[in-house]
Protein backbone atom coordinates (compact mmCIF):
# COMPACT_ATOMS: atom_id res chain seq x y z
CA MET A 1 19.61 83.22 41.56
CA GLU A 2 21.15 84.18 38.29
CA LYS A 3 24.74 84.38 37.97
CA LYS A 4 26.16 87.61 37.02
CA THR A 5 28.12 87.85 33.79
CA CYS A 6 31.70 88.05 34.90
CA ILE A 7 34.99 89.32 32.96
CA ALA A 8 38.34 88.12 34.29
CA MET A 9 41.19 90.44 33.90
CA VAL A 10 44.88 89.23 34.20
CA PRO A 11 47.37 92.28 34.39
CA SER A 12 50.96 92.17 33.57
CA PRO A 13 53.09 92.52 36.79
CA GLY A 14 53.90 96.24 37.79
CA LEU A 15 51.83 99.13 38.75
CA SER A 16 51.90 100.85 35.21
CA HIS A 17 50.04 97.86 33.83
CA LEU A 18 47.58 97.29 36.71
CA ILE A 19 46.42 101.33 36.84
CA PRO A 20 44.95 101.30 33.16
CA LEU A 21 43.29 98.03 33.51
CA VAL A 22 41.76 98.94 36.69
CA GLU A 23 40.38 102.47 35.24
CA PHE A 24 39.27 100.44 32.30
CA ALA A 25 37.00 98.29 34.26
CA LYS A 26 35.63 101.23 36.30
CA LEU A 27 34.55 102.74 32.93
CA LEU A 28 33.06 99.50 31.52
CA LEU A 29 30.98 98.82 34.64
CA GLN A 30 30.03 102.86 35.16
CA GLN A 31 28.31 102.45 31.54
CA HIS A 32 27.41 98.62 31.82
CA ASN A 33 26.68 97.81 35.45
CA GLU A 34 25.38 94.25 34.51
CA PHE A 35 28.81 92.86 34.66
CA THR A 36 31.32 92.11 37.27
CA VAL A 37 35.27 91.98 37.16
CA THR A 38 37.55 90.02 38.88
CA PHE A 39 41.38 90.66 38.60
CA LEU A 40 43.57 87.70 38.63
CA ILE A 41 47.10 89.00 39.58
CA PRO A 42 50.16 86.94 38.93
CA SER A 43 52.95 87.95 41.33
CA LEU A 44 56.80 87.78 42.12
CA GLY A 45 56.46 89.03 45.66
CA PRO A 46 54.17 90.84 48.21
CA LEU A 47 51.89 93.63 46.40
CA THR A 48 53.41 96.98 46.75
CA PRO A 49 51.75 99.70 48.81
CA SER A 50 50.49 101.54 45.77
CA MET A 51 48.93 98.32 44.33
CA GLU A 52 47.57 97.34 47.68
CA SER A 53 46.06 100.92 47.92
CA ILE A 54 44.46 100.54 44.44
CA LEU A 55 43.06 97.11 44.91
CA ASN A 56 41.64 97.76 48.58
CA THR A 57 39.56 100.62 47.18
CA LEU A 58 37.94 98.81 44.27
CA PRO A 59 34.10 99.30 43.85
CA PRO A 60 31.73 96.68 45.03
CA ASN A 61 31.33 95.10 41.68
CA MET A 62 35.11 94.53 41.25
CA ASN A 63 37.25 92.27 43.13
CA PHE A 64 40.71 90.68 42.95
CA THR A 65 42.63 87.41 43.54
CA VAL A 66 46.43 87.63 44.24
CA LEU A 67 47.79 84.37 42.66
CA PRO A 68 50.45 82.41 44.62
CA GLN A 69 54.02 83.97 44.14
CA VAL A 70 56.13 82.70 41.42
CA ASN A 71 59.53 81.25 42.73
CA ILE A 72 62.07 84.27 41.88
CA GLU A 73 64.80 81.21 41.47
CA ASP A 74 62.63 79.93 38.52
CA LEU A 75 63.51 83.25 36.73
CA PRO A 76 66.59 84.42 35.08
CA GLN A 77 68.35 87.33 36.32
CA ASN A 78 67.46 89.98 33.68
CA HIS A 79 67.33 93.63 33.77
CA GLU A 80 64.92 93.90 30.90
CA PRO A 81 61.48 94.34 32.49
CA ALA A 82 59.45 93.09 29.45
CA THR A 83 60.73 89.53 29.57
CA GLN A 84 60.49 89.32 33.36
CA MET A 85 56.87 90.20 33.39
CA LYS A 86 56.20 87.72 30.78
CA LEU A 87 58.10 84.87 32.81
CA ILE A 88 56.28 85.79 35.83
CA VAL A 89 52.90 85.48 33.93
CA LYS A 90 53.99 82.17 32.26
CA HIS A 91 55.04 80.60 35.52
CA SER A 92 51.57 81.42 37.00
CA ILE A 93 49.66 79.60 34.43
CA SER A 94 48.77 76.63 36.73
CA PHE A 95 47.42 79.08 39.35
CA LEU A 96 45.44 81.14 36.76
CA GLN A 97 43.75 77.77 35.56
CA GLU A 98 42.59 77.03 39.27
CA ALA A 99 41.67 80.61 39.76
CA VAL A 100 39.48 80.49 36.30
CA LYS A 101 37.99 77.18 37.46
CA SER A 102 36.71 78.59 40.63
CA LEU A 103 35.25 81.55 38.95
CA ILE A 104 33.29 79.46 36.59
CA SER A 105 31.86 77.68 39.26
CA LYS A 106 30.49 80.72 41.04
CA THR A 107 29.88 83.21 38.03
CA ASN A 108 28.80 83.26 34.51
CA LEU A 109 32.59 83.94 33.28
CA VAL A 110 32.43 85.02 29.61
CA ALA A 111 35.90 86.55 28.81
CA LEU A 112 39.52 86.68 29.75
CA VAL A 113 41.13 90.09 29.46
CA LEU A 114 44.97 89.96 29.32
CA SER A 115 47.54 92.74 29.58
CA MET A 116 50.33 93.12 27.12
CA PHE A 117 52.89 90.71 28.87
CA SER A 118 50.18 88.24 29.70
CA THR A 119 49.70 86.78 26.23
CA ASP A 120 50.77 83.36 27.59
CA ALA A 121 47.54 83.04 29.66
CA HIS A 122 45.70 83.04 26.17
CA GLU A 123 45.92 79.20 26.43
CA VAL A 124 43.78 79.41 29.68
CA ALA A 125 40.98 81.09 27.97
CA LYS A 126 40.91 78.45 24.96
CA GLN A 127 41.01 75.70 27.46
CA PHE A 128 37.81 76.70 29.30
CA ASN A 129 36.03 78.00 25.79
CA LEU A 130 36.39 81.61 27.00
CA SER A 131 36.47 84.74 24.56
CA SER A 132 39.78 86.12 24.77
CA TYR A 133 40.71 89.89 24.47
CA LEU A 134 43.93 91.95 24.96
CA PHE A 135 43.76 95.22 26.94
CA PHE A 136 46.59 97.18 25.33
CA SER A 137 47.54 99.92 27.28
CA SER A 138 49.81 101.66 24.73
CA GLY A 139 49.12 103.42 21.96
CA ALA A 140 48.18 102.01 18.00
CA VAL A 141 51.20 102.86 16.57
CA LEU A 142 52.85 100.52 18.81
CA PHE A 143 50.48 97.55 18.26
CA SER A 144 50.44 97.98 14.64
CA PHE A 145 54.18 97.43 14.54
CA LEU A 146 53.98 94.34 16.68
CA LEU A 147 51.65 92.95 14.52
CA THR A 148 54.31 93.45 11.62
CA LEU A 149 57.25 92.19 13.77
CA PRO A 150 56.70 88.49 12.75
CA LYS A 151 56.75 89.17 9.11
CA LEU A 152 59.69 91.29 9.55
CA ASP A 153 61.59 88.67 11.44
CA GLU A 154 60.92 86.04 8.80
CA ALA A 155 62.59 88.32 6.29
CA ALA A 156 65.63 89.44 8.31
CA SER A 157 68.58 87.30 7.32
CA SER A 158 71.24 88.42 9.91
CA GLN A 159 71.89 87.87 13.35
CA PHE A 160 70.45 91.20 14.35
CA LEU A 161 67.33 92.82 13.33
CA GLU A 162 69.20 96.01 13.40
CA SER A 163 71.69 95.19 10.66
CA SER A 164 68.94 93.69 8.30
CA TYR A 165 66.70 97.02 8.42
CA GLU A 166 67.74 100.50 8.47
CA THR A 167 63.86 101.80 8.57
CA VAL A 168 60.74 99.81 9.30
CA ASN A 169 57.44 100.93 7.76
CA VAL A 170 54.25 100.54 10.13
CA PRO A 171 50.81 100.18 8.55
CA GLY A 172 49.07 103.40 8.88
CA VAL A 173 52.10 105.54 9.60
CA SER A 174 52.98 107.85 6.54
CA PHE A 175 56.75 107.72 7.52
CA PRO A 176 59.26 105.09 8.26
CA PHE A 177 60.62 104.50 11.86
CA HIS A 178 64.36 104.49 12.13
CA VAL A 179 65.16 101.05 13.83
CA LYS A 180 67.04 102.57 16.78
CA ASP A 181 63.66 103.95 17.74
CA LEU A 182 61.65 100.67 18.02
CA PRO A 183 61.08 98.94 21.25
CA ASP A 184 64.25 97.94 23.10
CA PRO A 185 63.38 94.14 23.06
CA VAL A 186 63.64 94.29 18.84
CA LEU A 187 67.29 95.67 19.13
CA CYS A 188 68.52 92.60 21.15
CA GLU A 189 70.42 89.80 19.60
CA ARG A 190 67.80 87.49 17.88
CA SER A 191 68.93 84.54 19.63
CA SER A 192 68.54 86.03 23.01
CA ASP A 193 65.88 85.34 25.51
CA THR A 194 64.78 88.89 25.36
CA TYR A 195 64.29 89.01 21.49
CA THR A 196 62.48 85.58 21.36
CA SER A 197 60.30 86.08 24.39
CA PHE A 198 58.83 89.35 22.80
CA LEU A 199 58.56 87.88 19.29
CA ASP A 200 56.56 85.13 20.86
CA MET A 201 54.18 87.72 22.37
CA CYS A 202 53.84 89.25 18.97
CA GLN A 203 53.02 86.08 17.26
CA LYS A 204 50.13 85.35 19.85
CA LEU A 205 48.41 88.96 19.25
CA SER A 206 46.12 87.70 16.10
CA LEU A 207 44.93 84.86 18.29
CA PHE A 208 42.78 87.25 20.09
CA ASP A 209 39.00 87.72 19.53
CA GLY A 210 39.72 91.35 19.94
CA VAL A 211 41.97 94.12 21.26
CA ILE A 212 41.00 96.89 23.52
CA MET A 213 43.01 99.85 23.08
CA ASN A 214 43.70 102.79 25.32
CA THR A 215 43.65 105.41 22.45
CA PHE A 216 41.17 107.25 20.37
CA THR A 217 40.56 107.93 16.83
CA ASP A 218 41.38 111.71 16.67
CA LEU A 219 44.69 110.94 18.33
CA GLU A 220 45.80 108.16 15.78
CA PRO A 221 42.97 108.23 13.00
CA GLU A 222 45.16 106.68 10.08
CA ILE A 223 46.75 103.60 12.11
CA ILE A 224 43.63 102.93 13.77
CA LYS A 225 41.87 102.81 10.23
CA ALA A 226 44.52 100.61 8.71
CA LEU A 227 43.88 98.15 11.86
CA GLN A 228 40.36 98.05 11.59
CA GLU A 229 40.41 97.70 7.54
CA SER A 230 43.19 94.94 7.51
CA GLU A 231 42.66 92.02 5.22
CA SER A 232 42.48 89.32 8.22
CA LYS A 233 39.85 91.62 10.30
CA LYS A 234 41.37 89.64 13.20
CA PRO A 235 41.72 90.97 15.94
CA CYS A 236 39.08 93.26 16.14
CA VAL A 237 40.06 96.79 17.40
CA TYR A 238 38.11 98.59 20.16
CA PRO A 239 39.56 102.39 20.70
CA ILE A 240 38.03 103.10 24.07
CA GLY A 241 40.47 105.69 25.21
CA PRO A 242 41.76 107.95 26.66
CA ILE A 243 41.73 106.21 29.82
CA ILE A 244 43.40 107.89 32.66
CA ARG A 245 43.14 108.01 36.36
CA ASN A 246 41.17 110.63 38.10
CA GLU A 247 43.22 111.03 40.79
CA SER A 248 46.71 109.79 42.13
CA ASN A 249 46.83 106.28 44.17
CA SER A 250 49.17 108.16 46.81
CA GLU A 251 48.96 110.94 49.14
CA ALA A 252 52.85 111.39 48.99
CA ASN A 253 53.94 114.98 48.28
CA MET A 254 50.43 115.51 47.56
CA SER A 255 50.06 118.74 49.74
CA VAL A 256 53.57 120.17 49.30
CA CYS A 257 53.32 120.07 45.58
CA LEU A 258 49.72 121.47 45.30
CA ARG A 259 50.42 124.28 47.80
CA TRP A 260 53.62 125.25 46.11
CA LEU A 261 51.61 125.39 42.62
CA GLU A 262 48.79 127.79 44.05
CA ASN A 263 51.59 130.27 44.36
CA GLN A 264 52.76 130.24 40.63
CA PRO A 265 51.59 132.32 37.67
CA PRO A 266 49.42 130.42 35.18
CA SER A 267 51.21 128.06 32.80
CA SER A 268 54.45 128.99 34.19
CA VAL A 269 55.68 125.61 35.44
CA VAL A 270 57.35 122.72 33.81
CA PHE A 271 56.43 119.47 35.57
CA VAL A 272 59.50 116.96 35.20
CA SER A 273 58.86 113.31 35.83
CA PHE A 274 59.88 109.96 34.29
CA GLY A 275 57.00 107.84 35.30
CA SER A 276 56.77 105.04 37.90
CA GLY A 277 59.92 103.51 36.65
CA GLY A 278 62.59 105.55 34.87
CA THR A 279 66.04 106.59 36.09
CA LEU A 280 68.79 108.54 35.07
CA SER A 281 72.46 108.23 35.16
CA HIS A 282 74.17 110.47 37.50
CA GLU A 283 75.94 112.26 34.63
CA GLN A 284 72.41 112.90 33.15
CA LEU A 285 71.10 113.86 36.45
CA ASN A 286 73.34 116.57 36.58
CA GLU A 287 72.92 118.02 33.21
CA LEU A 288 69.13 118.02 33.52
CA ALA A 289 69.43 120.03 36.80
CA PHE A 290 71.89 122.57 35.03
CA GLY A 291 69.74 122.66 32.34
CA LEU A 292 66.56 123.66 34.43
CA GLU A 293 68.70 126.15 36.27
CA LEU A 294 69.82 127.67 32.82
CA SER A 295 66.37 127.84 31.54
CA GLY A 296 65.38 130.35 34.31
CA HIS A 297 61.73 128.69 34.21
CA LYS A 298 60.05 127.57 37.13
CA PHE A 299 59.89 123.96 37.63
CA LEU A 300 58.44 120.96 39.61
CA TRP A 301 60.73 118.00 39.38
CA VAL A 302 60.58 114.40 40.74
CA VAL A 303 63.85 113.18 41.42
CA ARG A 304 65.09 109.53 41.68
CA ALA A 305 68.45 108.18 42.97
CA PRO A 306 70.52 107.84 39.73
CA SER A 307 71.12 104.32 38.05
CA LYS A 308 73.00 102.84 35.05
CA HIS A 309 69.72 101.16 34.08
CA SER A 310 66.86 103.49 32.86
CA SER A 311 64.26 101.22 34.16
CA SER A 312 65.72 100.28 37.38
CA ALA A 313 62.93 101.46 39.61
CA TYR A 314 60.29 99.59 37.96
CA PHE A 315 59.76 96.59 40.12
CA SER A 316 61.41 98.05 43.41
CA GLY A 317 61.49 101.06 45.20
CA GLN A 318 64.92 103.12 46.02
CA LYS A 319 66.45 103.61 49.40
CA ASP A 320 68.87 106.23 48.64
CA ASP A 321 67.86 110.00 49.10
CA PRO A 322 67.89 111.04 45.67
CA LEU A 323 68.32 114.69 46.49
CA GLU A 324 71.95 113.78 47.73
CA TYR A 325 72.80 113.16 44.03
CA LEU A 326 71.94 116.63 42.92
CA PRO A 327 74.84 119.06 42.09
CA ASP A 328 76.40 121.15 45.01
CA GLY A 329 74.45 124.25 45.94
CA PHE A 330 71.45 123.46 43.08
CA LEU A 331 68.51 123.47 45.59
CA GLU A 332 69.77 126.78 47.26
CA ARG A 333 70.21 128.48 43.95
CA THR A 334 66.85 127.39 42.43
CA LYS A 335 64.62 127.57 45.72
CA GLU A 336 62.89 130.74 44.41
CA ASN A 337 62.19 129.07 40.87
CA GLY A 338 61.85 125.31 41.62
CA LEU A 339 60.30 122.73 43.81
CA VAL A 340 62.32 119.34 43.96
CA VAL A 341 60.44 116.28 45.55
CA ALA A 342 61.96 112.78 46.19
CA SER A 343 60.80 109.69 44.20
CA TRP A 344 57.09 110.30 43.72
CA ALA A 345 54.32 113.08 43.06
CA PRO A 346 50.61 113.29 42.23
CA GLN A 347 51.15 113.41 38.61
CA VAL A 348 47.34 113.51 37.70
CA GLU A 349 46.70 116.74 40.15
CA ILE A 350 49.77 118.46 38.98
CA LEU A 351 48.79 118.09 35.18
CA GLY A 352 45.41 119.13 35.97
CA HIS A 353 46.67 122.29 37.66
CA GLY A 354 46.47 125.66 35.81
CA SER A 355 50.01 126.74 36.75
CA VAL A 356 51.58 123.90 34.83
CA GLY A 357 52.37 124.71 31.10
CA GLY A 358 54.91 122.29 30.02
CA PHE A 359 55.62 118.38 30.85
CA LEU A 360 59.33 116.97 30.38
CA SER A 361 58.16 113.24 30.23
CA HIS A 362 59.68 109.82 29.29
CA CYS A 363 56.61 109.37 26.88
CA GLY A 364 55.10 106.57 28.69
CA TRP A 365 51.68 105.88 26.91
CA SER A 366 49.74 106.82 30.25
CA SER A 367 51.64 109.75 30.82
CA SER A 368 51.37 110.84 27.24
CA LEU A 369 47.54 110.50 27.51
CA GLU A 370 47.30 112.42 30.90
CA SER A 371 49.19 115.33 29.01
CA VAL A 372 46.81 115.16 26.28
CA VAL A 373 43.67 115.12 28.05
CA ASN A 374 45.07 118.09 30.47
CA GLY A 375 46.30 119.87 27.28
CA VAL A 376 49.82 120.41 28.27
CA PRO A 377 52.59 120.50 25.88
CA MET A 378 55.39 117.87 26.08
CA ILE A 379 59.09 117.78 26.07
CA ALA A 380 59.86 114.12 25.04
CA TRP A 381 62.74 112.50 26.81
CA PRO A 382 62.24 108.66 26.19
CA LEU A 383 64.21 106.17 28.02
CA PHE A 384 63.11 102.48 27.26
CA ALA A 385 60.28 100.20 26.00
CA GLU A 386 58.35 101.97 23.33
CA GLN A 387 58.74 105.41 24.40
CA LYS A 388 60.86 106.31 21.33
CA MET A 389 57.94 105.32 19.10
CA ASN A 390 55.66 107.65 21.38
CA ALA A 391 57.84 110.40 21.49
CA LYS A 392 57.96 110.31 17.60
CA LEU A 393 54.43 110.25 17.50
CA VAL A 394 54.18 113.22 20.07
CA THR A 395 56.79 115.33 18.02
CA ASP A 396 56.66 114.75 14.57
CA VAL A 397 52.93 113.54 13.87
CA LEU A 398 50.79 115.39 16.39
CA LYS A 399 53.40 118.09 16.80
CA VAL A 400 52.29 118.74 20.44
CA GLY A 401 55.86 118.51 21.86
CA VAL A 402 59.43 118.93 21.15
CA ARG A 403 62.40 116.27 21.53
CA ALA A 404 65.13 116.80 23.97
CA LYS A 405 68.16 116.24 21.53
CA VAL A 406 70.67 113.81 22.71
CA ASP A 407 74.51 114.24 22.02
CA ASP A 408 75.50 111.68 19.74
CA GLY A 409 78.93 111.15 21.26
CA SER A 410 77.96 111.02 24.97
CA GLY A 411 74.44 109.61 24.76
CA ILE A 412 73.55 112.35 27.25
CA VAL A 413 70.94 115.25 26.83
CA LYS A 414 73.26 118.28 27.56
CA ARG A 415 72.33 120.96 29.61
CA GLU A 416 72.01 123.46 26.67
CA GLU A 417 69.66 121.27 25.02
CA VAL A 418 67.32 121.11 28.24
CA GLU A 419 67.49 124.71 28.20
CA LYS A 420 66.51 125.21 24.40
CA ALA A 421 63.77 122.48 24.88
CA ILE A 422 62.18 124.25 27.76
CA LYS A 423 62.08 127.49 26.18
CA ARG A 424 60.77 126.08 22.98
CA ILE A 425 57.48 125.06 24.68
CA MET A 426 57.51 127.78 27.10
CA GLU A 427 58.28 130.96 25.40
CA GLY A 428 57.72 132.37 21.69
CA ASP A 429 55.54 131.47 18.62
CA GLU A 430 56.40 127.95 18.48
CA SER A 431 55.08 127.39 22.13
CA LEU A 432 51.99 129.14 21.06
CA GLU A 433 51.33 126.99 17.91
CA ILE A 434 52.08 124.02 19.99
CA GLY A 435 49.89 124.74 22.64
CA MET A 436 47.10 125.52 20.20
CA ARG A 437 47.52 121.99 18.74
CA MET A 438 47.18 120.25 22.28
CA LYS A 439 44.29 122.30 23.18
CA GLU A 440 42.21 121.11 19.97
CA LEU A 441 43.65 117.47 20.95
CA SER A 442 42.67 117.90 24.48
CA ASP A 443 38.87 119.02 23.26
CA ALA A 444 39.01 115.94 21.19
CA ALA A 445 39.54 113.53 23.82
CA ALA A 446 36.75 114.96 26.00
CA SER A 447 34.34 114.50 22.97
CA VAL A 448 35.08 111.04 22.04
CA LEU A 449 34.20 109.93 25.86
CA SER A 450 30.80 112.15 25.44
CA GLU A 451 27.47 110.07 24.92
CA HIS A 452 27.94 109.95 21.15
CA GLY A 453 31.63 109.92 20.96
CA SER A 454 33.58 107.07 19.19
CA SER A 455 35.10 105.89 22.22
CA ARG A 456 31.84 105.50 23.98
CA LYS A 457 30.27 103.59 20.88
CA ALA A 458 33.35 101.41 20.67
CA LEU A 459 32.99 100.27 24.58
CA SER A 460 29.18 99.86 23.83
CA SER A 461 29.96 97.55 20.80
CA LEU A 462 32.37 95.38 22.94
CA ALA A 463 29.78 95.01 25.81
CA LEU A 464 27.21 93.70 23.36
CA LYS A 465 29.80 91.30 22.43
CA TRP A 466 30.27 90.05 25.78
CA HIS A 467 26.55 89.49 26.33
């Protein structure tokens, strides 16, 4: 019996990296069912219930292997998620080699598809003479910058990149980025583990045969064009997005949220959520609460217990009841206007609901795409990673959202600014213009995935390569 052509995919640790890769695999197999996909999953500990739920409901032509757990004592205690993810993969290379060897014996394995922080696994693809592809779950603007970083680093003379440059030009972007808007690791001391690990990842990007990108031509036309026409022509870029989930991976708070939304007028609710890992300080949590109250608009807010670290919920759940940290009397005063739920809500279903008219978001790439696909204008409130770059794209380039202005002295978004941002996307002429631009972008997102759309063609071109 002829072996089926297999694609092995290695997600970076963490739910927000697994979900886009699984959704990409589903899209690939829907249109090209001659392939099979196996996920090889590096791990630091037991899978979370959310990850188990996703992996245990994969379709028949997809399966997974959880690699043996990395010893936590081998990893430095570091609050920076990117470094930790990359190290987990690096310490899993020997396990990955065995898993790939086993797959080769059972299938016609032709390619290894790696997530952003799994780039160290490129050596495994080379070892077994497999094609190597990067699945880049963020946008083209970030990828273009990452390709540029090694050259910027070579030219920087001082201890910090931040003191070498005030702004940075990204190929395909018509304006420079302020250094403070670049991904967090870039702003670290150049001799730090965080910075050197991030730079190492960027240096490996040009080694891949191709980059599968969760974006689409109408969203980032100039940047995609610049990447596809670059002198080196490597790696080859495949913009196959927008890939988003069709349904949430957990039933938690599902019925309470959707039941509440059913009773609200069309486009009247601001959805407030900071993704799967974002957290606010206690002071910021209070200011956001008072801002929502002052705005007078309806809101559905996913609250997490406060933390000094904006990404503290990324790898681990929280035990505290977040509702206890809200201002005294807030829930009682806003019970007619708002719904507050703890820790998690069905974001896909909420953004697709007709009563939602705005999304206050951390601007993670998946959340931004979900907002675009559903045509929901955004309030950009970036916290960490590349979210400031995404926020700039949303507000300054696409003009489908507004930015929540941070106070220079305290680093806090004050309640008055929260109120102002909500009113800008929910009231008046500006909100109508933003809504129209978002509707156009939403229509374009549907078009590129249609039979003759650009993203569909890019995916077919990729499948042809794998044959």
